Amino acid sequence: MSPGKSNMSKLDRVLAEQRDYIANREKGYRERALKLYPWICGRCTREFTRTNLRELTVHHVDHNHDNNPSDGTNWELLCVYCHDEEHTKFENQIHYGSGGGSPSNAPATFNPFADLKQKMGKPKDS
């Protein structure tokens, strides 16, 4: 076997592996979502190009990663920051509830500056 023929068969094998890798990857939901939707974050509207596309993620709207309909209705593209925020909100809702008005989640009513004008107007006795 000549060295040129050996290199060619190695090249053919590498190219075949690459084609298989690309074909398998295109079957995945991320590649399908990137083909369906514009490369824009659904929350902050940041636009993406091929150079920073790795920062754009596919978010499962119902948080079920096994629910991958072919029309993409359970997906939205989010940048990594908005995706983290979305999952943080979901985790907080699971752990702490929906915030249904429990006293521990009530908004603060104390205003430290309520009588500031009165305090500023009174001279101190020295």
N, C-alpha and C. Protein backbone atom coordinates (compact mmCIF):
# COMPACT_ATOMS: atom_id res chain seq x y z
N MET A 1 0.85 -1.17 0.00
CA MET A 1 0.00 0.00 0.00
C MET A 1 0.90 1.23 0.00
N SER A 2 0.62 2.16 -0.87
CA SER A 2 1.45 3.36 -0.97
C SER A 2 1.04 4.35 0.11
N PRO A 3 1.98 5.23 0.52
CA PRO A 3 1.67 6.21 1.58
C PRO A 3 0.53 7.15 1.18
N GLY A 4 0.45 7.50 -0.11
CA GLY A 4 -0.62 8.40 -0.56
C GLY A 4 -1.98 7.78 -0.41
N LYS A 5 -2.08 6.48 -0.70
CA LYS A 5 -3.35 5.78 -0.59
C LYS A 5 -3.77 5.65 0.87
N SER A 6 -2.82 5.43 1.77
CA SER A 6 -3.11 5.32 3.20
C SER A 6 -3.64 6.65 3.74
N ASN A 7 -3.01 7.75 3.33
CA ASN A 7 -3.46 9.07 3.77
C ASN A 7 -4.86 9.38 3.25
N MET A 8 -5.13 8.92 2.01
CA MET A 8 -6.44 9.18 1.43
C MET A 8 -7.52 8.40 2.18
N SER A 9 -7.24 7.16 2.54
CA SER A 9 -8.25 6.39 3.26
C SER A 9 -8.47 6.97 4.66
N LYS A 10 -7.41 7.50 5.27
CA LYS A 10 -7.55 8.15 6.57
C LYS A 10 -8.41 9.41 6.43
N LEU A 11 -8.17 10.16 5.38
CA LEU A 11 -8.94 11.37 5.12
C LEU A 11 -10.41 11.01 4.87
N ASP A 12 -10.65 9.95 4.08
CA ASP A 12 -12.02 9.52 3.82
C ASP A 12 -12.72 9.12 5.12
N ARG A 13 -12.01 8.43 5.99
CA ARG A 13 -12.57 8.00 7.27
C ARG A 13 -12.91 9.21 8.14
N VAL A 14 -12.00 10.17 8.20
CA VAL A 14 -12.23 11.38 9.01
C VAL A 14 -13.42 12.16 8.46
N LEU A 15 -13.50 12.28 7.13
CA LEU A 15 -14.63 13.00 6.52
C LEU A 15 -15.95 12.27 6.78
N ALA A 16 -15.93 10.95 6.72
CA ALA A 16 -17.14 10.18 7.00
C ALA A 16 -17.57 10.35 8.45
N GLU A 17 -16.62 10.34 9.36
CA GLU A 17 -16.94 10.57 10.78
C GLU A 17 -17.52 11.96 10.98
N GLN A 18 -16.96 12.94 10.29
CA GLN A 18 -17.47 14.31 10.40
C GLN A 18 -18.89 14.42 9.86
N ARG A 19 -19.16 13.78 8.74
CA ARG A 19 -20.52 13.80 8.19
C ARG A 19 -21.50 13.13 9.15
N ASP A 20 -21.10 12.02 9.75
CA ASP A 20 -21.96 11.34 10.73
C ASP A 20 -22.21 12.23 11.95
N TYR A 21 -21.17 12.90 12.41
CA TYR A 21 -21.28 13.80 13.56
C TYR A 21 -22.28 14.92 13.25
N ILE A 22 -22.14 15.51 12.08
CA ILE A 22 -23.04 16.61 11.69
C ILE A 22 -24.47 16.10 11.57
N ALA A 23 -24.66 14.94 10.96
CA ALA A 23 -26.00 14.38 10.79
C ALA A 23 -26.64 14.09 12.16
N ASN A 24 -25.89 13.52 13.08
CA ASN A 24 -26.41 13.24 14.42
C ASN A 24 -26.72 14.52 15.18
N ARG A 25 -25.86 15.50 15.00
CA ARG A 25 -26.08 16.77 15.69
C ARG A 25 -27.34 17.46 15.18
N GLU A 26 -27.57 17.39 13.88
CA GLU A 26 -28.76 18.04 13.31
C GLU A 26 -30.05 17.38 13.78
N LYS A 27 -29.96 16.15 14.26
CA LYS A 27 -31.13 15.49 14.81
C LYS A 27 -31.48 16.06 16.18
N GLY A 28 -30.53 16.67 16.86
CA GLY A 28 -30.74 17.22 18.19
C GLY A 28 -31.62 18.45 18.17
N TYR A 29 -32.27 18.71 19.33
CA TYR A 29 -33.21 19.83 19.39
C TYR A 29 -32.53 21.19 19.26
N ARG A 30 -31.27 21.31 19.68
CA ARG A 30 -30.61 22.62 19.58
C ARG A 30 -30.45 23.03 18.12
N GLU A 31 -29.96 22.12 17.31
CA GLU A 31 -29.78 22.45 15.89
C GLU A 31 -31.12 22.71 15.21
N ARG A 32 -32.13 21.95 15.58
CA ARG A 32 -33.45 22.19 14.99
C ARG A 32 -33.98 23.56 15.40
N ALA A 33 -33.79 23.92 16.67
CA ALA A 33 -34.26 25.22 17.14
C ALA A 33 -33.51 26.36 16.45
N LEU A 34 -32.22 26.18 16.23
CA LEU A 34 -31.44 27.22 15.56
C LEU A 34 -31.86 27.40 14.11
N LYS A 35 -32.39 26.35 13.52
CA LYS A 35 -32.90 26.46 12.15
C LYS A 35 -34.28 27.10 12.11
N LEU A 36 -35.08 26.87 13.16
CA LEU A 36 -36.45 27.39 13.19
C LEU A 36 -36.54 28.87 13.56
N TYR A 37 -35.73 29.27 14.52
CA TYR A 37 -35.88 30.60 15.11
C TYR A 37 -34.71 31.52 14.74
N PRO A 38 -34.96 32.83 14.72
CA PRO A 38 -33.85 33.77 14.50
C PRO A 38 -32.89 33.72 15.69
N TRP A 39 -31.64 34.01 15.45
CA TRP A 39 -30.61 33.92 16.47
C TRP A 39 -30.64 35.16 17.36
N ILE A 40 -31.72 35.31 18.10
CA ILE A 40 -31.95 36.46 18.98
C ILE A 40 -32.47 35.93 20.30
N CYS A 41 -31.95 36.45 21.40
CA CYS A 41 -32.44 36.06 22.72
C CYS A 41 -33.89 36.51 22.87
N GLY A 42 -34.73 35.59 23.31
CA GLY A 42 -36.15 35.88 23.48
C GLY A 42 -36.47 36.82 24.62
N ARG A 43 -35.50 37.11 25.50
CA ARG A 43 -35.75 38.00 26.63
C ARG A 43 -35.09 39.37 26.43
N CYS A 44 -33.79 39.37 26.24
CA CYS A 44 -33.07 40.66 26.17
C CYS A 44 -32.87 41.13 24.73
N THR A 45 -33.29 40.37 23.75
CA THR A 45 -33.22 40.66 22.31
C THR A 45 -31.79 40.85 21.79
N ARG A 46 -30.83 40.29 22.48
CA ARG A 46 -29.45 40.34 21.99
C ARG A 46 -29.35 39.47 20.74
N GLU A 47 -28.66 39.98 19.71
CA GLU A 47 -28.51 39.25 18.47
C GLU A 47 -27.21 38.46 18.48
N PHE A 48 -27.21 37.31 17.80
CA PHE A 48 -26.06 36.42 17.77
C PHE A 48 -25.62 36.14 16.34
N THR A 49 -24.33 35.89 16.20
CA THR A 49 -23.74 35.51 14.93
C THR A 49 -23.04 34.18 15.13
N ARG A 50 -22.44 33.66 14.09
CA ARG A 50 -21.73 32.38 14.22
C ARG A 50 -20.60 32.45 15.24
N THR A 51 -19.99 33.62 15.42
CA THR A 51 -18.86 33.73 16.34
C THR A 51 -19.27 33.60 17.80
N ASN A 52 -20.48 34.05 18.15
CA ASN A 52 -20.91 33.97 19.56
C ASN A 52 -22.15 33.09 19.74
N LEU A 53 -22.45 32.27 18.76
CA LEU A 53 -23.64 31.42 18.82
C LEU A 53 -23.62 30.44 19.98
N ARG A 54 -22.44 30.11 20.48
CA ARG A 54 -22.35 29.17 21.61
C ARG A 54 -22.98 29.75 22.87
N GLU A 55 -23.19 31.07 22.91
CA GLU A 55 -23.81 31.72 24.07
C GLU A 55 -25.33 31.74 23.99
N LEU A 56 -25.88 31.22 22.89
CA LEU A 56 -27.33 31.16 22.73
C LEU A 56 -27.79 29.74 23.05
N THR A 57 -28.72 29.61 23.98
CA THR A 57 -29.16 28.29 24.43
C THR A 57 -30.62 28.07 24.08
N VAL A 58 -31.03 26.82 24.12
CA VAL A 58 -32.42 26.47 23.89
C VAL A 58 -33.06 26.22 25.25
N HIS A 59 -34.08 26.99 25.55
CA HIS A 59 -34.81 26.85 26.81
C HIS A 59 -36.10 26.09 26.55
N HIS A 60 -36.38 25.09 27.37
CA HIS A 60 -37.64 24.36 27.28
C HIS A 60 -38.67 25.12 28.12
N VAL A 61 -39.67 25.63 27.46
CA VAL A 61 -40.65 26.50 28.11
C VAL A 61 -41.33 25.80 29.28
N ASP A 62 -41.68 24.52 29.12
CA ASP A 62 -42.34 23.80 30.21
C ASP A 62 -41.35 23.09 31.14
N HIS A 63 -40.07 23.34 30.95
CA HIS A 63 -38.98 22.80 31.77
C HIS A 63 -38.86 21.27 31.66
N ASN A 64 -39.48 20.69 30.66
CA ASN A 64 -39.40 19.25 30.43
C ASN A 64 -38.48 19.02 29.23
N HIS A 65 -37.27 18.56 29.49
CA HIS A 65 -36.28 18.39 28.43
C HIS A 65 -36.57 17.21 27.52
N ASP A 66 -37.55 16.39 27.89
CA ASP A 66 -37.96 15.29 27.01
C ASP A 66 -39.06 15.71 26.06
N ASN A 67 -39.64 16.87 26.27
CA ASN A 67 -40.71 17.38 25.42
C ASN A 67 -40.09 18.22 24.30
N ASN A 68 -39.83 17.57 23.16
CA ASN A 68 -39.17 18.23 22.03
C ASN A 68 -39.99 18.06 20.75
N PRO A 69 -41.12 18.78 20.64
CA PRO A 69 -41.92 18.65 19.44
C PRO A 69 -41.17 19.18 18.22
N SER A 70 -41.45 18.58 17.08
CA SER A 70 -40.71 18.94 15.87
C SER A 70 -41.00 20.37 15.41
N ASP A 71 -42.14 20.94 15.83
CA ASP A 71 -42.44 22.32 15.43
C ASP A 71 -41.81 23.35 16.37
N GLY A 72 -41.14 22.90 17.44
CA GLY A 72 -40.41 23.79 18.32
C GLY A 72 -41.27 24.60 19.27
N THR A 73 -42.50 24.19 19.50
CA THR A 73 -43.39 24.98 20.35
C THR A 73 -43.00 24.99 21.82
N ASN A 74 -42.13 24.09 22.24
CA ASN A 74 -41.69 24.07 23.63
C ASN A 74 -40.32 24.71 23.81
N TRP A 75 -39.80 25.35 22.79
CA TRP A 75 -38.46 25.92 22.85
C TRP A 75 -38.51 27.43 22.70
N GLU A 76 -37.54 28.07 23.32
CA GLU A 76 -37.24 29.46 23.02
C GLU A 76 -35.74 29.63 23.15
N LEU A 77 -35.19 30.48 22.30
CA LEU A 77 -33.76 30.73 22.35
C LEU A 77 -33.49 31.85 23.34
N LEU A 78 -32.59 31.57 24.28
CA LEU A 78 -32.20 32.55 25.30
C LEU A 78 -30.69 32.60 25.39
N CYS A 79 -30.14 33.79 25.66
CA CYS A 79 -28.71 33.87 25.92
C CYS A 79 -28.43 33.17 27.25
N VAL A 80 -27.19 32.85 27.50
CA VAL A 80 -26.86 32.08 28.72
C VAL A 80 -27.29 32.83 29.98
N TYR A 81 -27.22 34.15 29.96
CA TYR A 81 -27.57 34.93 31.15
C TYR A 81 -29.07 34.88 31.42
N CYS A 82 -29.86 35.11 30.38
CA CYS A 82 -31.32 35.05 30.54
C CYS A 82 -31.78 33.63 30.84
N HIS A 83 -31.08 32.64 30.28
CA HIS A 83 -31.42 31.24 30.55
C HIS A 83 -31.18 30.91 32.01
N ASP A 84 -30.05 31.36 32.55
CA ASP A 84 -29.78 31.15 33.98
C ASP A 84 -30.84 31.83 34.84
N GLU A 85 -31.21 33.04 34.47
CA GLU A 85 -32.22 33.78 35.23
C GLU A 85 -33.56 33.05 35.19
N GLU A 86 -33.92 32.53 34.04
CA GLU A 86 -35.18 31.80 33.90
C GLU A 86 -35.21 30.57 34.80
N HIS A 87 -34.10 29.83 34.83
CA HIS A 87 -34.04 28.64 35.68
C HIS A 87 -33.99 29.01 37.15
N THR A 88 -33.36 30.11 37.49
CA THR A 88 -33.34 30.58 38.88
C THR A 88 -34.76 30.92 39.34
N LYS A 89 -35.52 31.61 38.49
CA LYS A 89 -36.91 31.93 38.84
C LYS A 89 -37.72 30.66 39.04
N PHE A 90 -37.51 29.68 38.16
CA PHE A 90 -38.24 28.42 38.27
C PHE A 90 -37.88 27.68 39.55
N GLU A 91 -36.59 27.61 39.86
CA GLU A 91 -36.15 26.94 41.09
C GLU A 91 -36.68 27.65 42.33
N ASN A 92 -36.68 28.98 42.32
CA ASN A 92 -37.22 29.73 43.46
C ASN A 92 -38.71 29.47 43.63
N GLN A 93 -39.42 29.37 42.53
CA GLN A 93 -40.85 29.09 42.60
C GLN A 93 -41.09 27.71 43.20
N ILE A 94 -40.27 26.73 42.83
CA ILE A 94 -40.42 25.38 43.37
C ILE A 94 -40.10 25.36 44.86
N HIS A 95 -38.98 26.00 45.24
CA HIS A 95 -38.54 25.95 46.63
C HIS A 95 -39.34 26.84 47.56
N TYR A 96 -39.73 28.02 47.09
CA TYR A 96 -40.35 29.00 47.98
C TYR A 96 -41.81 29.29 47.66
N GLY A 97 -42.35 28.64 46.67
CA GLY A 97 -43.74 28.86 46.31
C GLY A 97 -43.89 30.00 45.34
N SER A 98 -45.14 30.28 45.01
CA SER A 98 -45.42 31.29 43.99
C SER A 98 -45.51 32.69 44.55
N GLY A 99 -45.26 32.86 45.84
CA GLY A 99 -45.35 34.20 46.43
C GLY A 99 -46.79 34.63 46.60
N GLY A 100 -47.64 33.72 47.06
CA GLY A 100 -49.07 33.98 47.19
C GLY A 100 -49.45 34.90 48.32
N GLY A 101 -48.60 35.83 48.70
CA GLY A 101 -48.96 36.82 49.70
C GLY A 101 -48.74 36.39 51.12
N SER A 102 -47.87 35.45 51.36
CA SER A 102 -47.59 35.05 52.74
C SER A 102 -46.87 36.20 53.44
N PRO A 103 -47.03 36.34 54.77
CA PRO A 103 -46.44 37.46 55.49
C PRO A 103 -44.92 37.56 55.33
N SER A 104 -44.24 36.42 55.19
CA SER A 104 -42.78 36.48 55.07
C SER A 104 -42.35 37.08 53.74
N ASN A 105 -43.25 37.08 52.75
CA ASN A 105 -42.92 37.65 51.45
C ASN A 105 -43.55 39.02 51.25
N ALA A 106 -44.16 39.58 52.30
CA ALA A 106 -44.81 40.89 52.18
C ALA A 106 -43.75 41.96 51.94
N PRO A 107 -44.08 42.97 51.15
CA PRO A 107 -43.12 44.04 50.89
C PRO A 107 -42.85 44.87 52.14
N ALA A 108 -41.67 45.43 52.22
CA ALA A 108 -41.30 46.26 53.36
C ALA A 108 -42.08 47.56 53.33
N THR A 109 -42.50 48.03 54.50
CA THR A 109 -43.27 49.28 54.59
C THR A 109 -42.52 50.37 55.36
N PHE A 110 -41.43 50.01 56.00
CA PHE A 110 -40.67 50.98 56.77
C PHE A 110 -39.93 51.93 55.83
N ASN A 111 -40.03 53.22 56.10
CA ASN A 111 -39.34 54.22 55.30
C ASN A 111 -38.38 54.98 56.21
N PRO A 112 -37.08 54.75 56.12
CA PRO A 112 -36.14 55.40 57.03
C PRO A 112 -36.03 56.91 56.82
N PHE A 113 -36.52 57.41 55.70
CA PHE A 113 -36.41 58.84 55.41
C PHE A 113 -37.74 59.57 55.58
N ALA A 114 -38.71 58.95 56.20
CA ALA A 114 -40.04 59.53 56.32
C ALA A 114 -40.02 60.89 57.03
N ASP A 115 -39.27 61.02 58.11
CA ASP A 115 -39.24 62.29 58.84
C ASP A 115 -37.87 62.96 58.73
N LEU A 116 -37.21 62.80 57.63
CA LEU A 116 -35.88 63.35 57.43
C LEU A 116 -35.90 64.89 57.49
N LYS A 117 -36.91 65.50 56.90
CA LYS A 117 -36.98 66.96 56.88
C LYS A 117 -37.07 67.52 58.30
N GLN A 118 -37.85 66.89 59.15
CA GLN A 118 -37.97 67.33 60.54
C GLN A 118 -36.64 67.16 61.27
N LYS A 119 -35.98 66.04 61.04
CA LYS A 119 -34.71 65.79 61.71
C LYS A 119 -33.63 66.76 61.24
N MET A 120 -33.66 67.13 60.01
CA MET A 120 -32.65 68.05 59.47
C MET A 120 -32.91 69.48 59.92
N GLY A 121 -34.17 69.82 60.22
CA GLY A 121 -34.51 71.18 60.60
C GLY A 121 -34.22 71.50 62.05
N LYS A 122 -34.09 70.53 62.90
CA LYS A 122 -33.86 70.76 64.31
C LYS A 122 -32.36 70.89 64.58
N PRO A 123 -31.93 72.05 65.12
CA PRO A 123 -30.51 72.15 65.47
C PRO A 123 -30.24 71.39 66.78
N LYS A 124 -29.08 70.79 66.84
CA LYS A 124 -28.70 70.04 68.04
C LYS A 124 -28.14 71.01 69.07
N ASP A 125 -28.47 70.79 70.32
CA ASP A 125 -27.89 71.58 71.40
C ASP A 125 -26.51 71.04 71.70
N SER A 126 -25.53 71.91 71.68
CA SER A 126 -24.16 71.47 71.95
C SER A 126 -23.72 71.89 73.31
